[in-house]
Amino acid sequence: MNTKFLIAAATATLLALGGCSTNPTNAQIGTGVGAVVGGVAGSAVGGTAATIGGAAIGGLIGNELGKRKD
C-alpha cells in the first residue's frame, strides 16, 4: 500500500513540475534518448549492473552528441 502511494505521489509531483519547464535543448533530448538506448542494450547484455552502466554511458554519449547539434 505504501509503495503505491509513493508512486502516485511521485507521479503527481513530476506532472505538476512538468508544467513549469521550458522546451528541452538538444543536449537534454540526447541525454534522455541515450540513457534509454543504453539501458536497453545493457539489459540485453547482462543484469542490473549492466543496465545501469549502459544507461549512464548512453546518457553521456547522447549528451555530447546533443551538444554538437546546438
PDB file of N, CA and C in Angstrom:
ATOM      1  N   MET A   1       0.814  -1.189   0.000  1.00  0.00           N
ATOM      2  CA  MET A   1       0.000   0.000   0.000  1.00  0.00           C
ATOM      3  C   MET A   1       0.860   1.256   0.000  1.00  0.00           C
ATOM      4  N   ASN A   2       1.918   1.279   0.808  1.00  0.00           N
ATOM      5  CA  ASN A   2       2.794   2.435   0.869  1.00  0.00           C
ATOM      6  C   ASN A   2       3.510   2.666  -0.459  1.00  0.00           C
ATOM      7  N   THR A   3       3.904   1.602  -1.125  1.00  0.00           N
ATOM      8  CA  THR A   3       4.589   1.725  -2.396  1.00  0.00           C
ATOM      9  C   THR A   3       3.691   2.367  -3.440  1.00  0.00           C
ATOM     10  N   LYS A   4       2.450   1.949  -3.502  1.00  0.00           N
ATOM     11  CA  LYS A   4       1.514   2.539  -4.464  1.00  0.00           C
ATOM     12  C   LYS A   4       1.295   4.018  -4.184  1.00  0.00           C
ATOM     13  N   PHE A   5       1.216   4.374  -2.907  1.00  0.00           N
ATOM     14  CA  PHE A   5       1.040   5.776  -2.542  1.00  0.00           C
ATOM     15  C   PHE A   5       2.252   6.603  -2.949  1.00  0.00           C
ATOM     16  N   LEU A   6       3.447   6.076  -2.700  1.00  0.00           N
ATOM     17  CA  LEU A   6       4.667   6.808  -3.066  1.00  0.00           C
ATOM     18  C   LEU A   6       4.781   6.987  -4.574  1.00  0.00           C
ATOM     19  N   ILE A   7       4.432   5.972  -5.324  1.00  0.00           N
ATOM     20  CA  ILE A   7       4.475   6.077  -6.782  1.00  0.00           C
ATOM     21  C   ILE A   7       3.465   7.112  -7.262  1.00  0.00           C
ATOM     22  N   ALA A   8       2.275   7.098  -6.712  1.00  0.00           N
ATOM     23  CA  ALA A   8       1.258   8.071  -7.099  1.00  0.00           C
ATOM     24  C   ALA A   8       1.687   9.490  -6.738  1.00  0.00           C
ATOM     25  N   ALA A   9       2.282   9.670  -5.573  1.00  0.00           N
ATOM     26  CA  ALA A   9       2.738  10.993  -5.151  1.00  0.00           C
ATOM     27  C   ALA A   9       3.879  11.485  -6.037  1.00  0.00           C
ATOM     28  N   ALA A  10       4.810  10.602  -6.367  1.00  0.00           N
ATOM     29  CA  ALA A  10       5.926  10.985  -7.232  1.00  0.00           C
ATOM     30  C   ALA A  10       5.435  11.349  -8.628  1.00  0.00           C
ATOM     31  N   THR A  11       4.488  10.596  -9.144  1.00  0.00           N
ATOM     32  CA  THR A  11       3.929  10.882 -10.466  1.00  0.00           C
ATOM     33  C   THR A  11       3.215  12.228 -10.478  1.00  0.00           C
ATOM     34  N   ALA A  12       2.424  12.494  -9.460  1.00  0.00           N
ATOM     35  CA  ALA A  12       1.711  13.774  -9.377  1.00  0.00           C
ATOM     36  C   ALA A  12       2.686  14.941  -9.278  1.00  0.00           C
ATOM     37  N   THR A  13       3.754  14.763  -8.520  1.00  0.00           N
ATOM     38  CA  THR A  13       4.759  15.816  -8.380  1.00  0.00           C
ATOM     39  C   THR A  13       5.458  16.083  -9.706  1.00  0.00           C
ATOM     40  N   LEU A  14       5.828  15.027 -10.401  1.00  0.00           N
ATOM     41  CA  LEU A  14       6.505  15.201 -11.683  1.00  0.00           C
ATOM     42  C   LEU A  14       5.596  15.860 -12.712  1.00  0.00           C
ATOM     43  N   LEU A  15       4.341  15.492 -12.723  1.00  0.00           N
ATOM     44  CA  LEU A  15       3.403  16.128 -13.650  1.00  0.00           C
ATOM     45  C   LEU A  15       3.219  17.601 -13.327  1.00  0.00           C
ATOM     46  N   ALA A  16       3.160  17.920 -12.057  1.00  0.00           N
ATOM     47  CA  ALA A  16       2.996  19.319 -11.651  1.00  0.00           C
ATOM     48  C   ALA A  16       4.227  20.139 -12.024  1.00  0.00           C
ATOM     49  N   LEU A  17       5.402  19.593 -11.809  1.00  0.00           N
ATOM     50  CA  LEU A  17       6.626  20.313 -12.147  1.00  0.00           C
ATOM     51  C   LEU A  17       6.857  20.370 -13.656  1.00  0.00           C
ATOM     52  N   GLY A  18       6.316  19.429 -14.379  1.00  0.00           N
ATOM     53  CA  GLY A  18       6.477  19.421 -15.834  1.00  0.00           C
ATOM     54  C   GLY A  18       5.854  20.632 -16.496  1.00  0.00           C
ATOM     55  N   GLY A  19       4.819  21.180 -15.898  1.00  0.00           N
ATOM     56  CA  GLY A  19       4.189  22.369 -16.443  1.00  0.00           C
ATOM     57  C   GLY A  19       5.047  23.615 -16.305  1.00  0.00           C
ATOM     58  N   CYS A  20       6.051  23.580 -15.464  1.00  0.00           N
ATOM     59  CA  CYS A  20       6.923  24.734 -15.237  1.00  0.00           C
ATOM     60  C   CYS A  20       8.152  24.720 -16.140  1.00  0.00           C
ATOM     61  N   SER A  21       8.335  23.692 -16.901  1.00  0.00           N
ATOM     62  CA  SER A  21       9.563  23.556 -17.677  1.00  0.00           C
ATOM     63  C   SER A  21       9.465  24.276 -19.017  1.00  0.00           C
ATOM     64  N   THR A  22      10.609  24.438 -19.650  1.00  0.00           N
ATOM     65  CA  THR A  22      10.692  25.026 -20.987  1.00  0.00           C
ATOM     66  C   THR A  22      10.979  23.917 -21.979  1.00  0.00           C
ATOM     67  N   ASN A  23      11.082  24.273 -23.241  1.00  0.00           N
ATOM     68  CA  ASN A  23      11.409  23.269 -24.252  1.00  0.00           C
ATOM     69  C   ASN A  23      12.807  22.729 -23.996  1.00  0.00           C
ATOM     70  N   PRO A  24      12.988  21.410 -24.107  1.00  0.00           N
ATOM     71  CA  PRO A  24      14.306  20.834 -23.838  1.00  0.00           C
ATOM     72  C   PRO A  24      15.305  21.180 -24.939  1.00  0.00           C
ATOM     73  N   THR A  25      16.561  21.267 -24.548  1.00  0.00           N
ATOM     74  CA  THR A  25      17.624  21.503 -25.517  1.00  0.00           C
ATOM     75  C   THR A  25      17.978  20.185 -26.200  1.00  0.00           C
ATOM     76  N   ASN A  26      18.754  20.275 -27.258  1.00  0.00           N
ATOM     77  CA  ASN A  26      19.197  19.061 -27.947  1.00  0.00           C
ATOM     78  C   ASN A  26      20.041  18.186 -27.021  1.00  0.00           C
ATOM     79  N   ALA A  27      20.824  18.802 -26.145  1.00  0.00           N
ATOM     80  CA  ALA A  27      21.644  18.026 -25.214  1.00  0.00           C
ATOM     81  C   ALA A  27      20.761  17.241 -24.239  1.00  0.00           C
ATOM     82  N   GLN A  28      19.678  17.852 -23.769  1.00  0.00           N
ATOM     83  CA  GLN A  28      18.777  17.161 -22.859  1.00  0.00           C
ATOM     84  C   GLN A  28      18.044  16.019 -23.559  1.00  0.00           C
ATOM     85  N   ILE A  29      17.629  16.245 -24.773  1.00  0.00           N
ATOM     86  CA  ILE A  29      16.968  15.186 -25.539  1.00  0.00           C
ATOM     87  C   ILE A  29      17.942  14.051 -25.791  1.00  0.00           C
ATOM     88  N   GLY A  30      19.162  14.397 -26.182  1.00  0.00           N
ATOM     89  CA  GLY A  30      20.189  13.377 -26.429  1.00  0.00           C
ATOM     90  C   GLY A  30      20.496  12.560 -25.196  1.00  0.00           C
ATOM     91  N   THR A  31      20.521  13.215 -24.042  1.00  0.00           N
ATOM     92  CA  THR A  31      20.776  12.511 -22.787  1.00  0.00           C
ATOM     93  C   THR A  31      19.681  11.497 -22.501  1.00  0.00           C
ATOM     94  N   GLY A  32      18.436  11.911 -22.659  1.00  0.00           N
ATOM     95  CA  GLY A  32      17.310  11.005 -22.397  1.00  0.00           C
ATOM     96  C   GLY A  32      17.282   9.827 -23.348  1.00  0.00           C
ATOM     97  N   VAL A  33      17.440  10.111 -24.632  1.00  0.00           N
ATOM     98  CA  VAL A  33      17.416   9.035 -25.632  1.00  0.00           C
ATOM     99  C   VAL A  33      18.602   8.102 -25.431  1.00  0.00           C
ATOM    100  N   GLY A  34      19.770   8.682 -25.188  1.00  0.00           N
ATOM    101  CA  GLY A  34      20.962   7.851 -24.966  1.00  0.00           C
ATOM    102  C   GLY A  34      20.833   6.963 -23.745  1.00  0.00           C
ATOM    103  N   ALA A  35      20.248   7.495 -22.678  1.00  0.00           N
ATOM    104  CA  ALA A  35      20.074   6.701 -21.458  1.00  0.00           C
ATOM    105  C   ALA A  35      19.116   5.536 -21.687  1.00  0.00           C
ATOM    106  N   VAL A  36      18.047   5.783 -22.421  1.00  0.00           N
ATOM    107  CA  VAL A  36      17.086   4.709 -22.704  1.00  0.00           C
ATOM    108  C   VAL A  36      17.723   3.639 -23.577  1.00  0.00           C
ATOM    109  N   VAL A  37      18.373   4.057 -24.651  1.00  0.00           N
ATOM    110  CA  VAL A  37      19.003   3.084 -25.562  1.00  0.00           C
ATOM    111  C   VAL A  37      20.107   2.319 -24.840  1.00  0.00           C
ATOM    112  N   GLY A  38      20.921   3.023 -24.058  1.00  0.00           N
ATOM    113  CA  GLY A  38      21.983   2.361 -23.304  1.00  0.00           C
ATOM    114  C   GLY A  38      21.437   1.397 -22.269  1.00  0.00           C
ATOM    115  N   GLY A  39      20.350   1.776 -21.611  1.00  0.00           N
ATOM    116  CA  GLY A  39      19.740   0.883 -20.621  1.00  0.00           C
ATOM    117  C   GLY A  39      19.178  -0.373 -21.249  1.00  0.00           C
ATOM    118  N   VAL A  40      18.556  -0.224 -22.406  1.00  0.00           N
ATOM    119  CA  VAL A  40      18.016  -1.393 -23.110  1.00  0.00           C
ATOM    120  C   VAL A  40      19.151  -2.310 -23.568  1.00  0.00           C
ATOM    121  N   ALA A  41      20.198  -1.710 -24.112  1.00  0.00           N
ATOM    122  CA  ALA A  41      21.343  -2.520 -24.557  1.00  0.00           C
ATOM    123  C   ALA A  41      22.008  -3.213 -23.380  1.00  0.00           C
ATOM    124  N   GLY A  42      22.181  -2.504 -22.278  1.00  0.00           N
ATOM    125  CA  GLY A  42      22.781  -3.110 -21.093  1.00  0.00           C
ATOM    126  C   GLY A  42      21.931  -4.223 -20.529  1.00  0.00           C
ATOM    127  N   SER A  43      20.630  -4.062 -20.580  1.00  0.00           N
ATOM    128  CA  SER A  43      19.722  -5.099 -20.103  1.00  0.00           C
ATOM    129  C   SER A  43      19.817  -6.354 -20.956  1.00  0.00           C
ATOM    130  N   ALA A  44      20.002  -6.161 -22.260  1.00  0.00           N
ATOM    131  CA  ALA A  44      20.111  -7.311 -23.157  1.00  0.00           C
ATOM    132  C   ALA A  44      21.420  -8.070 -22.934  1.00  0.00           C
ATOM    133  N   VAL A  45      22.463  -7.354 -22.521  1.00  0.00           N
ATOM    134  CA  VAL A  45      23.782  -7.964 -22.350  1.00  0.00           C
ATOM    135  C   VAL A  45      23.922  -8.650 -20.996  1.00  0.00           C
ATOM    136  N   GLY A  46      23.440  -8.003 -19.938  1.00  0.00           N
ATOM    137  CA  GLY A  46      23.667  -8.549 -18.605  1.00  0.00           C
ATOM    138  C   GLY A  46      22.535  -8.242 -17.660  1.00  0.00           C
ATOM    139  N   GLY A  47      22.883  -8.140 -16.396  1.00  0.00           N
ATOM    140  CA  GLY A  47      21.889  -7.931 -15.348  1.00  0.00           C
ATOM    141  C   GLY A  47      21.703  -6.467 -14.997  1.00  0.00           C
ATOM    142  N   THR A  48      21.430  -6.238 -13.737  1.00  0.00           N
ATOM    143  CA  THR A  48      21.121  -4.894 -13.255  1.00  0.00           C
ATOM    144  C   THR A  48      22.302  -3.951 -13.411  1.00  0.00           C
ATOM    145  N   ALA A  49      23.485  -4.395 -13.081  1.00  0.00           N
ATOM    146  CA  ALA A  49      24.667  -3.536 -13.184  1.00  0.00           C
ATOM    147  C   ALA A  49      24.920  -3.127 -14.636  1.00  0.00           C
ATOM    148  N   ALA A  50      24.732  -4.040 -15.564  1.00  0.00           N
ATOM    149  CA  ALA A  50      24.917  -3.720 -16.980  1.00  0.00           C
ATOM    150  C   ALA A  50      23.864  -2.733 -17.458  1.00  0.00           C
ATOM    151  N   THR A  51      22.653  -2.850 -16.957  1.00  0.00           N
ATOM    152  CA  THR A  51      21.585  -1.919 -17.329  1.00  0.00           C
ATOM    153  C   THR A  51      21.900  -0.518 -16.841  1.00  0.00           C
ATOM    154  N   ILE A  52      22.309  -0.393 -15.585  1.00  0.00           N
ATOM    155  CA  ILE A  52      22.647   0.911 -15.019  1.00  0.00           C
ATOM    156  C   ILE A  52      23.864   1.503 -15.717  1.00  0.00           C
ATOM    157  N   GLY A  53      24.878   0.684 -15.942  1.00  0.00           N
ATOM    158  CA  GLY A  53      26.073   1.158 -16.644  1.00  0.00           C
ATOM    159  C   GLY A  53      25.767   1.584 -18.064  1.00  0.00           C
ATOM    160  N   GLY A  54      24.962   0.801 -18.756  1.00  0.00           N
ATOM    161  CA  GLY A  54      24.587   1.148 -20.125  1.00  0.00           C
ATOM    162  C   GLY A  54      23.805   2.441 -20.191  1.00  0.00           C
ATOM    163  N   ALA A  55      22.895   2.644 -19.234  1.00  0.00           N
ATOM    164  CA  ALA A  55      22.124   3.885 -19.197  1.00  0.00           C
ATOM    165  C   ALA A  55      23.026   5.080 -18.924  1.00  0.00           C
ATOM    166  N   ALA A  56      23.970   4.928 -18.015  1.00  0.00           N
ATOM    167  CA  ALA A  56      24.887   6.025 -17.691  1.00  0.00           C
ATOM    168  C   ALA A  56      25.774   6.376 -18.881  1.00  0.00           C
ATOM    169  N   ILE A  57      26.344   5.373 -19.501  1.00  0.00           N
ATOM    170  CA  ILE A  57      27.223   5.613 -20.651  1.00  0.00           C
ATOM    171  C   ILE A  57      26.421   6.154 -21.829  1.00  0.00           C
ATOM    172  N   GLY A  58      25.251   5.602 -22.064  1.00  0.00           N
ATOM    173  CA  GLY A  58      24.398   6.091 -23.149  1.00  0.00           C
ATOM    174  C   GLY A  58      23.971   7.534 -22.932  1.00  0.00           C
ATOM    175  N   GLY A  59      23.682   7.895 -21.684  1.00  0.00           N
ATOM    176  CA  GLY A  59      23.320   9.268 -21.365  1.00  0.00           C
ATOM    177  C   GLY A  59      24.456  10.236 -21.630  1.00  0.00           C
ATOM    178  N   LEU A  60      25.670   9.837 -21.265  1.00  0.00           N
ATOM    179  CA  LEU A  60      26.833  10.689 -21.515  1.00  0.00           C
ATOM    180  C   LEU A  60      27.082  10.879 -23.009  1.00  0.00           C
ATOM    181  N   ILE A  61      27.005   9.803 -23.753  1.00  0.00           N
ATOM    182  CA  ILE A  61      27.218   9.894 -25.198  1.00  0.00           C
ATOM    183  C   ILE A  61      26.116  10.729 -25.851  1.00  0.00           C
ATOM    184  N   GLY A  62      24.876  10.493 -25.466  1.00  0.00           N
ATOM    185  CA  GLY A  62      23.764  11.261 -26.019  1.00  0.00           C
ATOM    186  C   GLY A  62      23.872  12.741 -25.699  1.00  0.00           C
ATOM    187  N   ASN A  63      24.341  13.062 -24.502  1.00  0.00           N
ATOM    188  CA  ASN A  63      24.521  14.455 -24.117  1.00  0.00           C
ATOM    189  C   ASN A  63      25.569  15.122 -25.004  1.00  0.00           C
ATOM    190  N   GLU A  64      26.677  14.467 -25.207  1.00  0.00           N
ATOM    191  CA  GLU A  64      27.741  15.037 -26.044  1.00  0.00           C
ATOM    192  C   GLU A  64      27.293  15.212 -27.489  1.00  0.00           C
ATOM    193  N   LEU A  65      26.583  14.233 -28.014  1.00  0.00           N
ATOM    194  CA  LEU A  65      26.091  14.345 -29.392  1.00  0.00           C
ATOM    195  C   LEU A  65      25.042  15.455 -29.509  1.00  0.00           C
ATOM    196  N   GLY A  66      24.221  15.616 -28.491  1.00  0.00           N
ATOM    197  CA  GLY A  66      23.225  16.662 -28.490  1.00  0.00           C
ATOM    198  C   GLY A  66      23.843  18.045 -28.439  1.00  0.00           C
ATOM    199  N   LYS A  67      24.938  18.189 -27.686  1.00  0.00           N
ATOM    200  CA  LYS A  67      25.626  19.473 -27.593  1.00  0.00           C
ATOM    201  C   LYS A  67      26.165  19.916 -28.947  1.00  0.00           C
ATOM    202  N   ARG A  68      26.556  18.975 -29.756  1.00  0.00           N
ATOM    203  CA  ARG A  68      27.112  19.309 -31.077  1.00  0.00           C
ATOM    204  C   ARG A  68      26.059  19.838 -32.026  1.00  0.00           C
ATOM    205  N   LYS A  69      24.778  19.520 -31.761  1.00  0.00           N
ATOM    206  CA  LYS A  69      23.691  19.986 -32.632  1.00  0.00           C
ATOM    207  C   LYS A  69      23.171  21.355 -32.218  1.00  0.00           C
ATOM    208  N   ASP A  70      23.534  21.831 -31.022  1.00  0.00           N
ATOM    209  CA  ASP A  70      23.045  23.154 -30.558  1.00  0.00           C
ATOM    210  C   ASP A  70      23.696  24.276 -31.330  1.00  0.00           C
TER     211      ASP A  70
END
